[in-house]
Amino acid sequence: MPPEKPHWAHLFSEVVTSGLCTGCAACIVACPYDVLGYDDKEGRYRPFHVEEMGGFDDCTHGEKGCTLCTRACPRFRDWEGEIDNFLFGRERLDEEVFGVAEEVLLAKATDPAVNDSGQDGGLVSALLIWALEHDVIDAALVSYLEGDGTSWKAVPGVARNREEVLAAAGSRYTYSANTLAYSEAIEGGAERIALVGMSCQASAPPVMAARRAGKVARRFALTIGLLCSKTFDDAIFSEFFEARYGLRREEMVKMNIKGVFQIWMRDGSYHEVPLKEGHAWTREGCKACPDFAAEHADISTGGIGAFGDHTLTVVRTEKGREIMSALVEAGVVETRPASDDPAAVELMRKLSRVSRRRWPATAVPGPRRLPLAVS
């Protein structure tokens, strides 16, 4: 029998409708025929197939041999082993609970303006600005707040200069499939693209490269992953923050999560809302995601730990190490050893274990194979 050529019909049944789909939109970006769309209404965040091209659960192009959507999906079949071997030349060890890492450190931007605009040290903003200004990348896929920002709806966009990077700075806790800005970047002439995205999105460029998904894979020059345990449906603003606590989204100016929702309001007031109370608004695509620590990014970053003005940073690949070394040498960022904040590293390990338990026993076994008791 000829070898199987998995396509949209397989992706639809094994990922999109099985609970494994994170909504990362990599399949849409990779589709060369534009027959996949994205549904982000009412918390769905799912790809869908244009019905006249084979129906919602099949694809005429797939039947003819196109497999790019399955090759781009970072949750299709043995994705973890494939990416580990491609990026690191081996699969992770049992003790590597938060993935393979060359170095873990604390970092912060040295430019006060970048530090103030960013979140927890401003490392990502500093890195993107440096990479754009030193001809390392042509554009970065990031997220912005829609309109004037008062809706707090995160939307994908492209940053090509310092001003656009700073406009995108800060954390969003609702979902933005930043990969969807790829076409805008290409239309603007970008050939070397950085992706800034949550863990699920950060696995997309290396799985595309590992499975040889063509030009799209080759254009991703750098992947920066954001530590992420979950995102929330947009409805959390009206149904929870406003209905329960009287905090209107239009009046919010900043939000952070440090064990609680930290919310700063336009009138200068500050509020802390219990994180557990927002659990009911967890985005569906996050409930089976096993990756807290953006384990397949070149550099993973997050604002956890005692030093609120530093970013916990995991350098994973040679490319990531080269970038971080250049940033330090140029004086763009300053670092300190992660041993200065061992609790932050332990928290990353703990949250990584918690996330890995989400992977369903009925799915491919990769993310569940680590002993969950490893400390």
Protein backbone atom coordinates (compact mmCIF):
# COMPACT_ATOMS: atom_id res chain seq x y z
CA MET A 1 0.00 0.00 0.00
CA PRO A 2 1.23 3.57 -0.66
CA PRO A 3 2.28 5.54 2.45
CA GLU A 4 -0.42 7.53 4.19
CA LYS A 5 -0.56 11.22 3.36
CA PRO A 6 -2.39 12.79 6.30
CA HIS A 7 -4.30 15.96 5.42
CA TRP A 8 -7.17 18.13 6.64
CA ALA A 9 -9.56 15.22 7.21
CA HIS A 10 -7.05 13.68 9.64
CA LEU A 11 -6.26 17.01 11.28
CA PHE A 12 -9.96 17.76 11.70
CA SER A 13 -10.71 14.49 13.48
CA GLU A 14 -7.46 14.04 15.42
CA VAL A 15 -6.85 17.62 16.56
CA VAL A 16 -9.51 20.22 15.70
CA THR A 17 -12.49 18.32 17.10
CA SER A 18 -10.69 16.14 19.66
CA GLY A 19 -9.88 18.85 22.20
CA LEU A 20 -6.19 19.07 21.27
CA CYS A 21 -6.43 22.16 19.06
CA THR A 22 -4.96 25.24 20.71
CA GLY A 23 -6.06 27.63 17.98
CA CYS A 24 -2.48 28.52 17.06
CA ALA A 25 -3.52 28.95 13.38
CA ALA A 26 -0.33 27.40 12.00
CA CYS A 27 -2.39 25.23 9.64
CA ILE A 28 -4.01 28.34 8.17
CA VAL A 29 -0.68 30.07 7.62
CA ALA A 30 0.76 26.99 5.90
CA CYS A 31 -2.23 26.31 3.62
CA PRO A 32 -1.20 27.22 0.05
CA TYR A 33 -4.77 27.20 -1.28
CA ASP A 34 -6.44 29.57 1.23
CA VAL A 35 -9.21 27.09 2.01
CA LEU A 36 -8.82 27.38 5.80
CA GLY A 37 -10.33 30.16 7.86
CA TYR A 38 -10.22 31.12 11.54
CA ASP A 39 -13.20 31.33 13.87
CA ASP A 40 -12.51 33.46 16.95
CA LYS A 41 -16.14 34.18 17.81
CA GLU A 42 -17.55 33.36 21.26
CA GLY A 43 -14.34 31.80 22.49
CA ARG A 44 -13.95 29.16 19.80
CA TYR A 45 -10.51 30.04 18.33
CA ARG A 46 -10.52 27.21 15.79
CA PRO A 47 -9.58 26.72 12.15
CA PHE A 48 -12.35 25.74 9.77
CA HIS A 49 -12.46 24.50 6.20
CA VAL A 50 -14.27 26.29 3.38
CA GLU A 51 -17.13 23.90 2.67
CA GLU A 52 -17.24 24.22 -1.11
CA MET A 53 -13.68 22.85 -1.26
CA GLY A 54 -14.46 19.42 0.13
CA GLY A 55 -16.80 20.07 3.03
CA PHE A 56 -16.00 21.16 6.56
CA ASP A 57 -14.36 17.83 7.46
CA ASP A 58 -12.45 17.04 4.26
CA CYS A 59 -10.38 18.80 1.59
CA THR A 60 -10.18 18.19 -2.14
CA HIS A 61 -6.57 19.41 -2.15
CA GLY A 62 -5.74 16.99 0.65
CA GLU A 63 -7.30 14.14 -1.29
CA LYS A 64 -4.92 15.04 -4.14
CA GLY A 65 -1.88 14.88 -1.87
CA CYS A 66 -1.50 18.23 -0.05
CA THR A 67 -0.35 17.61 3.53
CA LEU A 68 0.86 21.06 4.59
CA CYS A 69 -1.79 21.66 7.26
CA THR A 70 -0.83 18.51 9.16
CA ARG A 71 2.87 19.27 8.74
CA ALA A 72 2.34 22.70 10.30
CA CYS A 73 0.28 21.54 13.28
CA PRO A 74 2.21 21.44 16.57
CA ARG A 75 -0.31 19.03 18.08
CA PHE A 76 -0.56 16.48 15.27
CA ARG A 77 0.64 12.97 16.16
CA ASP A 78 4.22 12.66 17.50
CA TRP A 79 4.85 16.39 17.51
CA GLU A 80 6.93 16.61 20.69
CA GLY A 81 9.48 13.96 19.74
CA GLU A 82 9.79 15.35 16.23
CA ILE A 83 10.47 18.88 17.43
CA ASP A 84 12.86 17.80 20.20
CA ASN A 85 14.95 15.81 17.75
CA PHE A 86 14.93 18.57 15.16
CA LEU A 87 15.90 21.38 17.55
CA PHE A 88 18.16 19.57 19.98
CA GLY A 89 19.22 16.37 18.22
CA ARG A 90 17.63 14.26 20.93
CA GLU A 91 14.50 13.84 23.00
CA ARG A 92 14.40 15.41 26.42
CA LEU A 93 15.53 13.64 29.56
CA ASP A 94 13.12 12.80 32.35
CA GLU A 95 14.47 15.56 34.55
CA GLU A 96 14.01 18.20 31.83
CA VAL A 97 10.48 18.91 32.97
CA PHE A 98 10.34 22.38 31.37
CA GLY A 99 12.14 21.23 28.23
CA VAL A 100 15.70 21.29 26.96
CA ALA A 101 17.58 24.39 28.09
CA GLU A 102 21.09 25.70 27.54
CA GLU A 103 20.78 28.34 30.24
CA VAL A 104 18.23 29.87 32.61
CA LEU A 105 18.76 33.44 33.76
CA LEU A 106 17.07 36.68 34.75
CA ALA A 107 17.21 39.55 32.28
CA LYS A 108 16.05 43.16 31.97
CA ALA A 109 16.27 45.91 29.36
CA THR A 110 18.77 48.64 30.17
CA ASP A 111 16.80 51.32 28.30
CA PRO A 112 14.37 52.83 30.85
CA ALA A 113 11.80 53.59 28.16
CA VAL A 114 11.79 49.98 26.98
CA ASN A 115 11.71 48.69 30.54
CA ASP A 116 8.77 50.91 31.47
CA SER A 117 6.78 50.02 28.34
CA GLY A 118 7.37 46.29 28.63
CA GLN A 119 6.29 43.70 31.14
CA ASP A 120 8.55 42.38 33.89
CA GLY A 121 11.86 43.68 32.56
CA GLY A 122 11.07 44.48 28.94
CA LEU A 123 13.37 41.77 27.56
CA VAL A 124 11.18 40.82 24.59
CA SER A 125 10.79 44.44 23.47
CA ALA A 126 14.52 45.08 23.82
CA LEU A 127 15.33 41.93 21.85
CA LEU A 128 12.97 42.75 18.99
CA ILE A 129 14.17 46.34 18.69
CA TRP A 130 17.80 45.22 18.59
CA ALA A 131 17.08 42.46 16.05
CA LEU A 132 15.20 44.86 13.75
CA GLU A 133 17.85 47.57 13.99
CA HIS A 134 20.73 45.13 13.42
CA ASP A 135 19.28 43.42 10.34
CA VAL A 136 18.64 40.10 12.08
CA ILE A 137 14.92 40.14 11.26
CA ASP A 138 12.69 42.18 8.94
CA ALA A 139 9.51 41.98 11.01
CA ALA A 140 8.00 40.45 14.13
CA LEU A 141 4.59 38.86 14.58
CA VAL A 142 3.17 40.24 17.82
CA SER A 143 -0.17 41.19 19.35
CA TYR A 144 -1.79 44.57 19.78
CA LEU A 145 -4.95 45.72 21.50
CA GLU A 146 -7.77 46.36 19.07
CA GLY A 147 -8.71 49.96 18.33
CA ASP A 148 -7.87 52.37 21.13
CA GLY A 149 -7.19 49.50 23.52
CA THR A 150 -10.26 49.92 25.70
CA SER A 151 -11.88 46.71 24.41
CA TRP A 152 -8.87 44.71 25.65
CA LYS A 153 -9.29 42.43 22.66
CA ALA A 154 -5.89 41.12 21.55
CA VAL A 155 -5.31 40.99 17.80
CA PRO A 156 -2.32 39.80 15.74
CA GLY A 157 -0.12 42.37 14.04
CA VAL A 158 3.32 43.13 12.63
CA ALA A 159 6.08 45.22 14.23
CA ARG A 160 8.78 46.59 11.93
CA ASN A 161 10.43 49.28 14.06
CA ARG A 162 10.98 50.48 17.61
CA GLU A 163 7.72 52.43 17.81
CA GLU A 164 5.64 49.46 16.68
CA VAL A 165 7.43 47.11 19.08
CA LEU A 166 6.74 49.43 22.03
CA ALA A 167 3.10 49.80 20.96
CA ALA A 168 2.78 46.02 21.23
CA ALA A 169 4.53 45.81 24.63
CA GLY A 170 2.77 44.37 27.66
CA SER A 171 0.85 41.19 28.35
CA ARG A 172 -2.58 40.15 27.10
CA TYR A 173 -4.48 37.43 28.89
CA THR A 174 -6.98 36.83 26.13
CA TYR A 175 -5.84 34.94 23.05
CA SER A 176 -4.25 36.30 19.92
CA ALA A 177 -3.08 33.90 17.19
CA ASN A 178 -0.04 35.99 16.27
CA THR A 179 0.81 33.61 13.44
CA LEU A 180 -2.14 35.08 11.50
CA ALA A 181 -0.11 38.26 10.94
CA TYR A 182 2.27 36.24 8.74
CA SER A 183 0.59 37.21 5.47
CA GLU A 184 0.73 40.90 6.40
CA ALA A 185 4.46 40.58 7.10
CA ILE A 186 5.06 38.84 3.75
CA GLU A 187 3.01 41.40 1.86
CA GLY A 188 5.26 44.05 3.42
CA GLY A 189 8.34 42.33 2.00
CA ALA A 190 9.59 40.50 5.11
CA GLU A 191 11.70 37.41 4.51
CA ARG A 192 13.13 36.92 8.03
CA ILE A 193 10.37 36.88 10.59
CA ALA A 194 10.36 36.63 14.38
CA LEU A 195 7.35 35.10 16.07
CA VAL A 196 6.41 36.16 19.58
CA GLY A 197 3.76 33.81 20.85
CA MET A 198 2.47 31.65 23.63
CA SER A 199 3.74 28.12 24.07
CA CYS A 200 1.38 26.57 21.52
CA GLN A 201 2.37 29.08 18.85
CA ALA A 202 6.09 28.79 19.64
CA SER A 203 6.02 25.12 18.62
CA ALA A 204 4.73 25.95 15.14
CA PRO A 205 7.92 27.20 13.40
CA PRO A 206 10.10 24.25 14.48
CA VAL A 207 7.46 21.64 13.64
CA MET A 208 7.07 23.23 10.21
CA ALA A 209 10.84 23.08 9.76
CA ALA A 210 11.05 19.50 11.03
CA ARG A 211 8.31 18.38 8.66
CA ARG A 212 9.59 20.50 5.75
CA ALA A 213 6.58 22.72 5.34
CA GLY A 214 8.17 24.88 2.65
CA LYS A 215 8.70 28.62 2.44
CA VAL A 216 6.69 29.41 5.54
CA ALA A 217 9.07 27.38 7.70
CA ARG A 218 12.16 28.96 6.15
CA ARG A 219 10.96 32.50 6.77
CA PHE A 220 10.71 32.08 10.55
CA ALA A 221 14.13 33.28 11.71
CA LEU A 222 13.52 33.51 15.47
CA THR A 223 10.91 32.27 17.92
CA ILE A 224 10.31 33.90 21.29
CA GLY A 225 7.96 31.94 23.51
CA LEU A 226 5.88 33.30 26.37
CA LEU A 227 5.43 31.19 29.49
CA CYS A 228 1.72 30.52 29.66
CA SER A 229 -0.52 28.36 31.82
CA LYS A 230 -3.75 29.56 30.21
CA THR A 231 -5.54 32.40 28.47
CA PHE A 232 -9.10 33.55 28.97
CA ASP A 233 -12.15 34.09 26.81
CA ASP A 234 -12.95 37.71 26.02
CA ALA A 235 -16.20 37.28 27.96
CA ILE A 236 -14.24 37.38 31.23
CA PHE A 237 -14.30 41.18 31.11
CA SER A 238 -18.06 41.65 31.06
CA GLU A 239 -19.15 38.47 32.83
CA PHE A 240 -16.54 38.43 35.59
CA PHE A 241 -14.50 41.59 36.14
CA GLU A 242 -17.41 43.96 35.58
CA ALA A 243 -20.36 41.85 36.73
CA ARG A 244 -18.68 40.62 39.92
CA TYR A 245 -16.22 43.39 40.79
CA GLY A 246 -17.50 46.45 38.95
CA LEU A 247 -14.24 46.78 36.97
CA ARG A 248 -15.10 47.97 33.48
CA ARG A 249 -12.67 47.04 30.74
CA GLU A 250 -12.83 50.56 29.30
CA GLU A 251 -11.33 51.89 32.53
CA MET A 252 -8.50 49.36 32.82
CA VAL A 253 -5.01 50.58 31.88
CA LYS A 254 -2.84 47.60 32.83
CA MET A 255 -3.21 43.98 33.88
CA ASN A 256 -0.80 41.39 35.23
CA ILE A 257 -1.07 37.97 36.84
CA LYS A 258 1.04 37.22 39.89
CA GLY A 259 -1.01 34.56 41.65
CA VAL A 260 -3.93 37.01 41.37
CA PHE A 261 -5.25 39.28 38.65
CA GLN A 262 -3.52 42.60 39.22
CA ILE A 263 -5.55 45.40 37.66
CA TRP A 264 -4.69 49.09 37.42
CA MET A 265 -7.54 51.49 36.60
CA ARG A 266 -7.67 54.83 34.82
CA ASP A 267 -8.61 56.61 38.06
CA GLY A 268 -5.33 55.48 39.65
CA SER A 269 -6.85 52.68 41.76
CA TYR A 270 -5.34 49.21 41.97
CA HIS A 271 -7.26 45.97 42.48
CA GLU A 272 -6.41 42.33 43.09
CA VAL A 273 -8.91 39.70 41.96
CA PRO A 274 -8.56 36.01 42.93
CA LEU A 275 -7.20 34.07 39.98
CA LYS A 276 -9.15 30.93 40.85
CA GLU A 277 -12.45 32.77 40.46
CA GLY A 278 -11.67 33.33 36.79
CA HIS A 279 -11.15 29.64 36.07
CA ALA A 280 -14.58 29.26 34.45
CA TRP A 281 -13.49 31.61 31.66
CA THR A 282 -10.40 29.55 30.72
CA ARG A 283 -10.17 29.34 26.96
CA GLU A 284 -11.16 25.90 25.68
CA GLY A 285 -7.96 25.49 23.66
CA CYS A 286 -5.83 25.78 26.81
CA LYS A 287 -7.43 22.92 28.71
CA ALA A 288 -5.40 20.13 27.08
CA CYS A 289 -2.22 22.11 26.38
CA PRO A 290 0.79 20.43 28.04
CA ASP A 291 3.33 23.20 27.46
CA PHE A 292 3.71 25.91 30.08
CA ALA A 293 7.31 26.87 29.38
CA ALA A 294 7.28 27.41 25.59
CA GLU A 295 9.55 24.39 25.33
CA HIS A 296 10.32 24.73 21.61
CA ALA A 297 11.13 28.42 21.35
CA ASP A 298 14.64 29.72 20.76
CA ILE A 299 14.18 31.81 23.90
CA SER A 300 11.36 31.40 26.43
CA THR A 301 10.38 34.28 28.69
CA GLY A 302 8.02 34.95 31.56
CA GLY A 303 7.36 37.25 34.46
CA ILE A 304 7.45 34.85 37.38
CA GLY A 305 9.60 35.12 40.47
CA ALA A 306 10.62 37.60 43.13
CA PHE A 307 12.27 40.12 40.80
CA GLY A 308 9.34 41.90 39.17
CA ASP A 309 11.69 44.06 37.11
CA HIS A 310 13.39 41.06 35.50
CA THR A 311 12.22 38.47 32.97
CA LEU A 312 12.80 34.80 33.72
CA THR A 313 14.57 33.69 30.55
CA VAL A 314 15.24 30.20 29.21
CA VAL A 315 17.80 30.04 26.40
CA ARG A 316 17.12 26.83 24.46
CA THR A 317 18.85 26.84 21.08
CA GLU A 318 22.17 27.95 19.64
CA LYS A 319 20.33 30.72 17.83
CA GLY A 320 18.87 31.86 21.14
CA ARG A 321 22.26 31.79 22.81
CA GLU A 322 23.81 33.88 20.03
CA ILE A 323 21.06 36.49 20.30
CA MET A 324 21.29 36.75 24.09
CA SER A 325 25.08 36.99 23.98
CA ALA A 326 24.84 39.80 21.43
CA LEU A 327 22.28 41.66 23.54
CA VAL A 328 24.48 41.49 26.62
CA GLU A 329 27.61 42.46 24.71
CA ALA A 330 25.81 45.45 23.20
CA GLY A 331 24.58 46.54 26.63
CA VAL A 332 20.97 46.27 25.55
CA VAL A 333 20.10 43.91 28.40
CA GLU A 334 21.69 43.02 31.70
CA THR A 335 21.39 39.61 33.28
CA ARG A 336 21.80 37.88 36.59
CA PRO A 337 21.95 34.14 37.30
CA ALA A 338 18.71 32.28 37.88
CA SER A 339 20.26 31.03 41.13
CA ASP A 340 19.46 34.50 42.50
CA ASP A 341 15.80 33.46 42.43
CA PRO A 342 15.58 29.67 42.85
CA ALA A 343 11.90 29.94 43.73
CA ALA A 344 11.15 31.23 40.22
CA VAL A 345 12.83 28.23 38.62
CA GLU A 346 11.04 25.85 40.93
CA LEU A 347 7.73 27.54 40.12
CA MET A 348 8.44 27.06 36.42
CA ARG A 349 9.07 23.38 37.07
CA LYS A 350 5.89 23.06 39.09
CA LEU A 351 3.69 24.82 36.54
CA SER A 352 5.27 22.78 33.74
CA ARG A 353 4.36 19.55 35.54
CA VAL A 354 0.81 20.78 36.08
CA SER A 355 0.43 21.63 32.40
CA ARG A 356 1.83 18.31 31.24
CA ARG A 357 -0.84 16.47 33.21
CA ARG A 358 -3.46 18.04 30.95
CA TRP A 359 -2.46 16.01 27.91
CA PRO A 360 -5.23 13.42 27.38
CA ALA A 361 -4.37 9.76 27.91
CA THR A 362 -6.19 8.98 24.67
CA ALA A 363 -3.83 11.17 22.61
CA VAL A 364 -0.31 10.39 21.37
CA PRO A 365 1.76 9.60 24.48
CA GLY A 366 4.66 12.07 24.08
CA PRO A 367 3.86 14.81 26.61
CA ARG A 368 2.69 12.30 29.24
CA ARG A 369 5.81 10.15 29.25
CA LEU A 370 7.74 12.26 31.78
CA PRO A 371 7.40 10.96 35.35
CA LEU A 372 5.09 13.49 36.92
CA ALA A 373 6.73 13.08 40.31
CA VAL A 374 10.09 14.40 39.10
CA SER A 375 10.94 17.53 41.08
